[in-house]
């Protein structure tokens, strides 16, 4: 199976409707193809967001009538035209999907609008380059042992020294968490954006901090943030994603960086800890 075939089967694979043999071929391709694997993972997240935020509604009778009437009208026009049969059929084949596709798009828009209010669109962080989204992805990798700090120490200042020597082009902030058992740090770069990663262990809790320059986070195009987060960080220096109470994330801005903290602890506890850093 090649990448083109995998992309064609992605929807059925995510919905688990592929035959067993084809599903095994699909999974085998993903194991050896990282771009396809990443794209399928993103599509799974997108479908999950749609399922969580789009309410399925029955097509109104009035809309059904419009669709049927439009199709009957178009078909009737094709029957009365004095053209060769094949030419008329080809026109009908083009017209029907176009009309039906437009109406399906309209119905989808209405369904989304009926449940998703403007505040959600202001706070949603599902874009693949959104730094809140990236922080949750990295935190999951850290918990699974698939991402590890480059250094681990009992002295937070040592992590700060390591990061400052890593040519990050912005001043990294290492939160002062006096009761942490240990902390770690590493550096990466994606799409030309330098990134700092910090991990703190406090008893049974983990705190992960993702940092990028404020120029990239607030004004650049290579990474993104929800509009509500940009406004809050610019005005107050803090953001806690008020429309998602179970989203354990806290953002704050320093002179040179935007920091995103994700944790196993509850948001209120995390915010109290970081606000006294």
C-alpha atoms as a PDB file:
ATOM      1  CA  UNK A   1       0.000   0.000   0.000  1.00  0.00           C
ATOM      2  CA  UNK A   2       1.323   3.456  -0.926  1.00  0.00           C
ATOM      3  CA  UNK A   3       0.563   6.874   0.597  1.00  0.00           C
ATOM      4  CA  UNK A   4      -2.147   7.713  -1.939  1.00  0.00           C
ATOM      5  CA  UNK A   5      -4.053   4.520  -1.188  1.00  0.00           C
ATOM      6  CA  UNK A   6      -3.658   5.089   2.559  1.00  0.00           C
ATOM      7  CA  UNK A   7      -5.106   8.607   2.277  1.00  0.00           C
ATOM      8  CA  UNK A   8      -8.080   7.279   0.316  1.00  0.00           C
ATOM      9  CA  UNK A   9      -8.781   4.713   3.027  1.00  0.00           C
ATOM     10  CA  UNK A  10      -8.147   7.041   5.981  1.00  0.00           C
ATOM     11  CA  UNK A  11     -11.797   7.858   6.668  1.00  0.00           C
ATOM     12  CA  UNK A  12     -12.911   4.217   6.683  1.00  0.00           C
ATOM     13  CA  UNK A  13      -9.889   3.233   8.760  1.00  0.00           C
ATOM     14  CA  UNK A  14     -10.636   5.834  11.427  1.00  0.00           C
ATOM     15  CA  UNK A  15     -14.281   4.677  11.489  1.00  0.00           C
ATOM     16  CA  UNK A  16     -13.061   1.056  11.733  1.00  0.00           C
ATOM     17  CA  UNK A  17     -15.051  -0.031   8.718  1.00  0.00           C
ATOM     18  CA  UNK A  18     -12.203  -1.528   6.636  1.00  0.00           C
ATOM     19  CA  UNK A  19     -12.162  -5.298   5.973  1.00  0.00           C
ATOM     20  CA  UNK A  20      -9.648  -7.107   8.196  1.00  0.00           C
ATOM     21  CA  UNK A  21      -7.122  -7.738   5.434  1.00  0.00           C
ATOM     22  CA  UNK A  22      -7.184  -4.156   4.207  1.00  0.00           C
ATOM     23  CA  UNK A  23      -7.049  -2.828   7.766  1.00  0.00           C
ATOM     24  CA  UNK A  24      -3.842  -4.816   8.386  1.00  0.00           C
ATOM     25  CA  UNK A  25      -2.273  -3.422   5.214  1.00  0.00           C
ATOM     26  CA  UNK A  26      -3.271   0.072   6.285  1.00  0.00           C
ATOM     27  CA  UNK A  27      -1.737  -0.334   9.765  1.00  0.00           C
ATOM     28  CA  UNK A  28       1.429  -1.825   8.254  1.00  0.00           C
ATOM     29  CA  UNK A  29       1.799   1.242   6.036  1.00  0.00           C
ATOM     30  CA  UNK A  30       1.346   3.613   8.994  1.00  0.00           C
ATOM     31  CA  UNK A  31       4.044   1.806  10.978  1.00  0.00           C
ATOM     32  CA  UNK A  32       6.652   2.583   8.313  1.00  0.00           C
ATOM     33  CA  UNK A  33       5.355   5.973   7.078  1.00  0.00           C
ATOM     34  CA  UNK A  34       5.599   8.782   9.607  1.00  0.00           C
ATOM     35  CA  UNK A  35       3.957  11.523   7.442  1.00  0.00           C
ATOM     36  CA  UNK A  36       0.854   9.376   6.921  1.00  0.00           C
ATOM     37  CA  UNK A  37       0.863   8.380  10.574  1.00  0.00           C
ATOM     38  CA  UNK A  38       0.931  12.013  11.670  1.00  0.00           C
ATOM     39  CA  UNK A  39      -1.770  13.029   9.202  1.00  0.00           C
ATOM     40  CA  UNK A  40      -4.072  10.196  10.300  1.00  0.00           C
ATOM     41  CA  UNK A  41      -3.532  11.114  13.955  1.00  0.00           C
ATOM     42  CA  UNK A  42      -4.508  14.713  13.181  1.00  0.00           C
ATOM     43  CA  UNK A  43      -7.608  13.556  11.301  1.00  0.00           C
ATOM     44  CA  UNK A  44      -8.613  11.417  14.285  1.00  0.00           C
ATOM     45  CA  UNK A  45      -8.351  14.463  16.536  1.00  0.00           C
ATOM     46  CA  UNK A  46     -10.401  16.520  14.066  1.00  0.00           C
ATOM     47  CA  UNK A  47     -13.148  13.894  13.929  1.00  0.00           C
ATOM     48  CA  UNK A  48     -13.190  13.684  17.698  1.00  0.00           C
ATOM     49  CA  UNK A  49     -13.638  17.451  17.950  1.00  0.00           C
ATOM     50  CA  UNK A  50     -16.502  17.318  15.453  1.00  0.00           C
ATOM     51  CA  UNK A  51     -18.221  14.495  17.360  1.00  0.00           C
ATOM     52  CA  UNK A  52     -17.899  16.387  20.622  1.00  0.00           C
ATOM     53  CA  UNK A  53     -19.113  19.731  19.325  1.00  0.00           C
ATOM     54  CA  UNK A  54     -21.505  19.047  16.467  1.00  0.00           C
ATOM     55  CA  UNK A  55     -25.009  17.913  17.264  1.00  0.00           C
ATOM     56  CA  UNK A  56     -26.550  15.545  14.728  1.00  0.00           C
ATOM     57  CA  UNK A  57     -29.921  16.880  13.613  1.00  0.00           C
ATOM     58  CA  UNK A  58     -32.563  15.421  11.316  1.00  0.00           C
ATOM     59  CA  UNK A  59     -32.800  17.105   7.946  1.00  0.00           C
ATOM     60  CA  UNK A  60     -35.801  19.466   8.035  1.00  0.00           C
ATOM     61  CA  UNK A  61     -38.667  18.498   5.739  1.00  0.00           C
ATOM     62  CA  UNK A  62     -38.449  21.878   4.035  1.00  0.00           C
ATOM     63  CA  UNK A  63     -34.814  21.208   3.078  1.00  0.00           C
ATOM     64  CA  UNK A  64     -35.666  17.715   1.866  1.00  0.00           C
ATOM     65  CA  UNK A  65     -38.340  19.223  -0.337  1.00  0.00           C
ATOM     66  CA  UNK A  66     -35.892  21.758  -1.791  1.00  0.00           C
ATOM     67  CA  UNK A  67     -33.380  19.000  -2.612  1.00  0.00           C
ATOM     68  CA  UNK A  68     -35.975  16.769  -4.288  1.00  0.00           C
ATOM     69  CA  UNK A  69     -37.573  19.631  -6.170  1.00  0.00           C
ATOM     70  CA  UNK A  70     -34.190  20.852  -7.421  1.00  0.00           C
ATOM     71  CA  UNK A  71     -33.214  17.383  -8.615  1.00  0.00           C
ATOM     72  CA  UNK A  72     -36.597  16.835 -10.321  1.00  0.00           C
ATOM     73  CA  UNK A  73     -36.382  20.235 -11.990  1.00  0.00           C
ATOM     74  CA  UNK A  74     -32.861  19.629 -13.242  1.00  0.00           C
ATOM     75  CA  UNK A  75     -33.747  16.139 -14.472  1.00  0.00           C
ATOM     76  CA  UNK A  76     -36.858  17.447 -16.224  1.00  0.00           C
ATOM     77  CA  UNK A  77     -34.859  20.146 -17.992  1.00  0.00           C
ATOM     78  CA  UNK A  78     -32.396  17.557 -19.211  1.00  0.00           C
ATOM     79  CA  UNK A  79     -35.232  15.379 -20.570  1.00  0.00           C
ATOM     80  CA  UNK A  80     -36.753  18.226 -22.618  1.00  0.00           C
ATOM     81  CA  UNK A  81     -33.540  19.473 -24.191  1.00  0.00           C
ATOM     82  CA  UNK A  82     -33.074  18.510 -27.828  1.00  0.00           C
ATOM     83  CA  UNK A  83     -29.605  17.082 -27.343  1.00  0.00           C
ATOM     84  CA  UNK A  84     -28.050  13.667 -27.783  1.00  0.00           C
ATOM     85  CA  UNK A  85     -28.912  11.370 -24.891  1.00  0.00           C
ATOM     86  CA  UNK A  86     -25.315  10.932 -23.732  1.00  0.00           C
ATOM     87  CA  UNK A  87     -24.649  14.692 -23.642  1.00  0.00           C
ATOM     88  CA  UNK A  88     -27.765  15.280 -21.570  1.00  0.00           C
ATOM     89  CA  UNK A  89     -26.798  12.518 -19.141  1.00  0.00           C
ATOM     90  CA  UNK A  90     -23.314  13.938 -18.679  1.00  0.00           C
ATOM     91  CA  UNK A  91     -24.773  17.349 -17.826  1.00  0.00           C
ATOM     92  CA  UNK A  92     -27.081  15.761 -15.292  1.00  0.00           C
ATOM     93  CA  UNK A  93     -24.174  13.891 -13.688  1.00  0.00           C
ATOM     94  CA  UNK A  94     -22.391  17.210 -13.140  1.00  0.00           C
ATOM     95  CA  UNK A  95     -25.407  19.181 -11.972  1.00  0.00           C
ATOM     96  CA  UNK A  96     -26.787  16.729  -9.396  1.00  0.00           C
ATOM     97  CA  UNK A  97     -23.589  16.331  -7.322  1.00  0.00           C
ATOM     98  CA  UNK A  98     -23.000  20.070  -7.463  1.00  0.00           C
ATOM     99  CA  UNK A  99     -26.472  20.886  -6.145  1.00  0.00           C
ATOM    100  CA  UNK A 100     -26.448  18.086  -3.593  1.00  0.00           C
ATOM    101  CA  UNK A 101     -22.910  18.941  -2.468  1.00  0.00           C
ATOM    102  CA  UNK A 102     -23.824  22.556  -1.910  1.00  0.00           C
ATOM    103  CA  UNK A 103     -26.856  21.600   0.161  1.00  0.00           C
ATOM    104  CA  UNK A 104     -24.841  19.119   2.229  1.00  0.00           C
ATOM    105  CA  UNK A 105     -22.296  21.848   2.960  1.00  0.00           C
ATOM    106  CA  UNK A 106     -25.126  24.179   3.993  1.00  0.00           C
ATOM    107  CA  UNK A 107     -26.597  21.553   6.327  1.00  0.00           C
ATOM    108  CA  UNK A 108     -23.201  20.908   7.908  1.00  0.00           C
ATOM    109  CA  UNK A 109     -22.698  24.632   8.484  1.00  0.00           C
ATOM    110  CA  UNK A 110     -26.130  24.910  10.107  1.00  0.00           C
ATOM    111  CA  UNK A 111     -25.437  21.891  12.321  1.00  0.00           C
ATOM    112  CA  UNK A 112     -22.123  23.314  13.491  1.00  0.00           C
ATOM    113  CA  UNK A 113     -23.590  26.740  14.070  1.00  0.00           C
ATOM    114  CA  UNK A 114     -26.468  25.317  16.091  1.00  0.00           C
ATOM    115  CA  UNK A 115     -24.162  23.957  18.737  1.00  0.00           C
ATOM    116  CA  UNK A 116     -20.868  25.850  18.459  1.00  0.00           C
ATOM    117  CA  UNK A 117     -21.023  29.405  19.740  1.00  0.00           C
ATOM    118  CA  UNK A 118     -18.546  32.179  18.825  1.00  0.00           C
ATOM    119  CA  UNK A 119     -16.693  31.829  22.133  1.00  0.00           C
ATOM    120  CA  UNK A 120     -15.715  28.256  21.266  1.00  0.00           C
ATOM    121  CA  UNK A 121     -14.220  29.360  17.944  1.00  0.00           C
ATOM    122  CA  UNK A 122     -12.242  32.005  19.874  1.00  0.00           C
ATOM    123  CA  UNK A 123     -10.812  29.442  22.312  1.00  0.00           C
ATOM    124  CA  UNK A 124     -10.503  26.250  20.247  1.00  0.00           C
ATOM    125  CA  UNK A 125      -6.928  24.961  20.134  1.00  0.00           C
ATOM    126  CA  UNK A 126      -7.132  22.104  17.634  1.00  0.00           C
ATOM    127  CA  UNK A 127      -4.822  23.423  14.891  1.00  0.00           C
ATOM    128  CA  UNK A 128      -1.798  21.188  14.373  1.00  0.00           C
ATOM    129  CA  UNK A 129       0.597  24.117  14.964  1.00  0.00           C
ATOM    130  CA  UNK A 130      -1.303  25.508  17.975  1.00  0.00           C
ATOM    131  CA  UNK A 131       1.090  25.576  20.939  1.00  0.00           C
ATOM    132  CA  UNK A 132      -1.608  24.456  23.409  1.00  0.00           C
ATOM    133  CA  UNK A 133      -2.340  21.498  21.135  1.00  0.00           C
ATOM    134  CA  UNK A 134       1.392  20.777  20.804  1.00  0.00           C
ATOM    135  CA  UNK A 135       1.830  20.976  24.583  1.00  0.00           C
ATOM    136  CA  UNK A 136      -0.826  18.317  25.180  1.00  0.00           C
ATOM    137  CA  UNK A 137       0.721  16.101  22.507  1.00  0.00           C
ATOM    138  CA  UNK A 138       4.181  16.444  24.067  1.00  0.00           C
ATOM    139  CA  UNK A 139       2.826  15.811  27.565  1.00  0.00           C
ATOM    140  CA  UNK A 140       1.210  12.570  26.371  1.00  0.00           C
ATOM    141  CA  UNK A 141       4.527  11.507  24.818  1.00  0.00           C
ATOM    142  CA  UNK A 142       6.366  12.277  28.063  1.00  0.00           C
ATOM    143  CA  UNK A 143       3.880  10.257  30.091  1.00  0.00           C
ATOM    144  CA  UNK A 144       4.242   7.344  27.671  1.00  0.00           C
ATOM    145  CA  UNK A 145       8.044   7.491  27.834  1.00  0.00           C
ATOM    146  CA  UNK A 146       8.297   8.305  24.120  1.00  0.00           C
ATOM    147  CA  UNK A 147       9.777  11.742  24.786  1.00  0.00           C
ATOM    148  CA  UNK A 148      12.500  12.245  27.386  1.00  0.00           C
ATOM    149  CA  UNK A 149      14.337  15.295  28.776  1.00  0.00           C
ATOM    150  CA  UNK A 150      17.889  15.717  27.551  1.00  0.00           C
ATOM    151  CA  UNK A 151      18.965  16.315  31.149  1.00  0.00           C
ATOM    152  CA  UNK A 152      17.485  15.598  34.598  1.00  0.00           C
ATOM    153  CA  UNK A 153      18.650  17.189  37.819  1.00  0.00           C
ATOM    154  CA  UNK A 154      17.663  17.999  41.384  1.00  0.00           C
ATOM    155  CA  UNK A 155      18.806  21.602  40.865  1.00  0.00           C
ATOM    156  CA  UNK A 156      16.408  23.716  38.729  1.00  0.00           C
ATOM    157  CA  UNK A 157      19.109  26.337  38.152  1.00  0.00           C
ATOM    158  CA  UNK A 158      21.111  23.716  36.237  1.00  0.00           C
ATOM    159  CA  UNK A 159      18.233  23.284  33.789  1.00  0.00           C
ATOM    160  CA  UNK A 160      18.121  27.049  33.326  1.00  0.00           C
ATOM    161  CA  UNK A 161      21.859  27.168  32.589  1.00  0.00           C
ATOM    162  CA  UNK A 162      21.528  24.316  30.101  1.00  0.00           C
ATOM    163  CA  UNK A 163      18.655  25.989  28.240  1.00  0.00           C
ATOM    164  CA  UNK A 164      20.335  29.404  28.153  1.00  0.00           C
ATOM    165  CA  UNK A 165      23.353  27.834  26.438  1.00  0.00           C
ATOM    166  CA  UNK A 166      21.202  26.160  23.784  1.00  0.00           C
ATOM    167  CA  UNK A 167      20.901  29.123  21.383  1.00  0.00           C
ATOM    168  CA  UNK A 168      17.142  29.448  21.807  1.00  0.00           C
ATOM    169  CA  UNK A 169      17.098  33.162  20.841  1.00  0.00           C
ATOM    170  CA  UNK A 170      14.770  34.002  23.746  1.00  0.00           C
ATOM    171  CA  UNK A 171      15.135  34.103  27.502  1.00  0.00           C
ATOM    172  CA  UNK A 172      13.734  30.877  28.980  1.00  0.00           C
ATOM    173  CA  UNK A 173      11.925  31.071  32.296  1.00  0.00           C
ATOM    174  CA  UNK A 174      12.337  28.148  34.690  1.00  0.00           C
ATOM    175  CA  UNK A 175       9.469  28.318  37.223  1.00  0.00           C
ATOM    176  CA  UNK A 176      10.585  28.133  40.851  1.00  0.00           C
ATOM    177  CA  UNK A 177       8.794  25.087  42.190  1.00  0.00           C
ATOM    178  CA  UNK A 178      10.488  24.573  45.524  1.00  0.00           C
ATOM    179  CA  UNK A 179       8.854  21.239  46.351  1.00  0.00           C
ATOM    180  CA  UNK A 180       9.731  19.455  43.122  1.00  0.00           C
ATOM    181  CA  UNK A 181      11.490  16.096  43.408  1.00  0.00           C
ATOM    182  CA  UNK A 182      13.448  16.636  40.196  1.00  0.00           C
ATOM    183  CA  UNK A 183      13.271  18.590  36.964  1.00  0.00           C
ATOM    184  CA  UNK A 184      14.434  18.096  33.405  1.00  0.00           C
ATOM    185  CA  UNK A 185      14.887  20.083  30.246  1.00  0.00           C
ATOM    186  CA  UNK A 186      15.457  19.774  26.521  1.00  0.00           C
ATOM    187  CA  UNK A 187      15.442  21.867  23.346  1.00  0.00           C
ATOM    188  CA  UNK A 188      13.938  21.242  19.920  1.00  0.00           C
ATOM    189  CA  UNK A 189      13.150  23.067  16.703  1.00  0.00           C
ATOM    190  CA  UNK A 190      10.134  22.634  14.421  1.00  0.00           C
ATOM    191  CA  UNK A 191       9.471  24.624  11.227  1.00  0.00           C
ATOM    192  CA  UNK A 192      12.221  27.017  12.231  1.00  0.00           C
ATOM    193  CA  UNK A 193      10.719  27.706  15.674  1.00  0.00           C
ATOM    194  CA  UNK A 194      13.008  27.118  18.662  1.00  0.00           C
ATOM    195  CA  UNK A 195      11.253  25.358  21.547  1.00  0.00           C
ATOM    196  CA  UNK A 196      12.148  24.758  25.185  1.00  0.00           C
ATOM    197  CA  UNK A 197      10.725  21.855  27.186  1.00  0.00           C
ATOM    198  CA  UNK A 198      10.744  21.565  30.987  1.00  0.00           C
ATOM    199  CA  UNK A 199       9.418  18.736  33.126  1.00  0.00           C
ATOM    200  CA  UNK A 200       8.864  18.804  36.895  1.00  0.00           C
ATOM    201  CA  UNK A 201       8.040  15.888  39.201  1.00  0.00           C
ATOM    202  CA  UNK A 202       6.209  16.816  42.397  1.00  0.00           C
ATOM    203  CA  UNK A 203       5.123  13.768  44.366  1.00  0.00           C
ATOM    204  CA  UNK A 204       2.589  11.973  42.161  1.00  0.00           C
ATOM    205  CA  UNK A 205       2.127  14.963  39.872  1.00  0.00           C
ATOM    206  CA  UNK A 206       3.885  15.927  36.656  1.00  0.00           C
ATOM    207  CA  UNK A 207       4.122  19.452  35.259  1.00  0.00           C
ATOM    208  CA  UNK A 208       5.279  20.032  31.700  1.00  0.00           C
ATOM    209  CA  UNK A 209       6.167  23.529  30.459  1.00  0.00           C
ATOM    210  CA  UNK A 210       6.497  24.334  26.759  1.00  0.00           C
ATOM    211  CA  UNK A 211       8.095  27.664  25.805  1.00  0.00           C
ATOM    212  CA  UNK A 212       8.529  29.580  22.542  1.00  0.00           C
ATOM    213  CA  UNK A 213       9.400  33.189  21.827  1.00  0.00           C
ATOM    214  CA  UNK A 214       6.541  35.653  22.204  1.00  0.00           C
ATOM    215  CA  UNK A 215       7.225  36.927  18.669  1.00  0.00           C
ATOM    216  CA  UNK A 216       6.494  33.460  17.269  1.00  0.00           C
ATOM    217  CA  UNK A 217       3.521  32.737  19.545  1.00  0.00           C
ATOM    218  CA  UNK A 218       1.719  36.065  19.332  1.00  0.00           C
ATOM    219  CA  UNK A 219       2.757  37.583  16.009  1.00  0.00           C
ATOM    220  CA  UNK A 220       4.247  34.827  13.849  1.00  0.00           C
ATOM    221  CA  UNK A 221       2.645  32.371  11.432  1.00  0.00           C
ATOM    222  CA  UNK A 222       4.651  29.211  12.042  1.00  0.00           C
ATOM    223  CA  UNK A 223       2.891  28.476  15.337  1.00  0.00           C
ATOM    224  CA  UNK A 224      -0.533  29.633  16.483  1.00  0.00           C
ATOM    225  CA  UNK A 225      -2.740  30.356  19.481  1.00  0.00           C
ATOM    226  CA  UNK A 226      -6.494  30.909  19.882  1.00  0.00           C
ATOM    227  CA  UNK A 227      -7.498  34.554  19.500  1.00  0.00           C
ATOM    228  CA  UNK A 228      -8.815  34.608  23.087  1.00  0.00           C
ATOM    229  CA  UNK A 229      -5.415  33.450  24.378  1.00  0.00           C
ATOM    230  CA  UNK A 230      -3.528  36.112  22.410  1.00  0.00           C
ATOM    231  CA  UNK A 231      -5.797  38.838  23.753  1.00  0.00           C
ATOM    232  CA  UNK A 232      -5.532  37.670  27.362  1.00  0.00           C
ATOM    233  CA  UNK A 233      -1.752  37.242  27.241  1.00  0.00           C
ATOM    234  CA  UNK A 234      -1.323  40.681  25.705  1.00  0.00           C
ATOM    235  CA  UNK A 235      -3.628  42.343  28.244  1.00  0.00           C
ATOM    236  CA  UNK A 236      -2.944  40.497  31.508  1.00  0.00           C
ATOM    237  CA  UNK A 237      -0.071  38.126  30.826  1.00  0.00           C
ATOM    238  CA  UNK A 238      -2.179  35.065  31.800  1.00  0.00           C
ATOM    239  CA  UNK A 239      -4.659  32.699  30.141  1.00  0.00           C
ATOM    240  CA  UNK A 240      -6.496  29.659  31.543  1.00  0.00           C
ATOM    241  CA  UNK A 241      -8.937  28.674  28.756  1.00  0.00           C
ATOM    242  CA  UNK A 242     -12.229  29.509  30.550  1.00  0.00           C
ATOM    243  CA  UNK A 243     -14.471  27.685  28.053  1.00  0.00           C
ATOM    244  CA  UNK A 244     -12.800  24.332  28.781  1.00  0.00           C
ATOM    245  CA  UNK A 245     -12.946  23.787  32.579  1.00  0.00           C
ATOM    246  CA  UNK A 246     -11.426  20.302  32.379  1.00  0.00           C
ATOM    247  CA  UNK A 247      -8.510  21.484  30.240  1.00  0.00           C
ATOM    248  CA  UNK A 248      -5.580  21.486  32.688  1.00  0.00           C
ATOM    249  CA  UNK A 249      -3.523  24.158  30.988  1.00  0.00           C
ATOM    250  CA  UNK A 250      -2.175  27.533  32.132  1.00  0.00           C
ATOM    251  CA  UNK A 251      -0.419  30.045  29.869  1.00  0.00           C
ATOM    252  CA  UNK A 252       1.594  33.093  30.822  1.00  0.00           C
ATOM    253  CA  UNK A 253       3.824  35.597  29.070  1.00  0.00           C
ATOM    254  CA  UNK A 254       7.267  36.822  30.069  1.00  0.00           C
ATOM    255  CA  UNK A 255       9.286  39.593  28.460  1.00  0.00           C
ATOM    256  CA  UNK A 256      10.498  37.278  25.691  1.00  0.00           C
ATOM    257  CA  UNK A 257       8.520  34.024  25.838  1.00  0.00           C
ATOM    258  CA  UNK A 258       5.063  32.498  25.973  1.00  0.00           C
ATOM    259  CA  UNK A 259       4.901  29.548  28.362  1.00  0.00           C
ATOM    260  CA  UNK A 260       2.334  26.752  28.364  1.00  0.00           C
ATOM    261  CA  UNK A 261       2.031  24.499  31.421  1.00  0.00           C
ATOM    262  CA  UNK A 262       0.152  21.193  31.261  1.00  0.00           C
ATOM    263  CA  UNK A 263      -0.189  18.963  34.298  1.00  0.00           C
ATOM    264  CA  UNK A 264      -1.837  15.970  35.899  1.00  0.00           C
ATOM    265  CA  UNK A 265      -2.988  18.278  38.707  1.00  0.00           C
ATOM    266  CA  UNK A 266      -6.196  20.315  38.493  1.00  0.00           C
ATOM    267  CA  UNK A 267      -6.163  23.691  36.786  1.00  0.00           C
ATOM    268  CA  UNK A 268      -6.837  25.718  39.953  1.00  0.00           C
ATOM    269  CA  UNK A 269      -3.994  24.040  41.813  1.00  0.00           C
ATOM    270  CA  UNK A 270      -1.671  24.481  38.835  1.00  0.00           C
ATOM    271  CA  UNK A 271      -2.533  28.162  38.488  1.00  0.00           C
ATOM    272  CA  UNK A 272      -1.993  28.795  42.207  1.00  0.00           C
ATOM    273  CA  UNK A 273       1.382  27.084  42.033  1.00  0.00           C
ATOM    274  CA  UNK A 274       2.593  28.975  38.976  1.00  0.00           C
ATOM    275  CA  UNK A 275       1.279  32.399  40.030  1.00  0.00           C
ATOM    276  CA  UNK A 276       3.612  32.287  43.040  1.00  0.00           C
ATOM    277  CA  UNK A 277       6.586  31.029  41.035  1.00  0.00           C
END
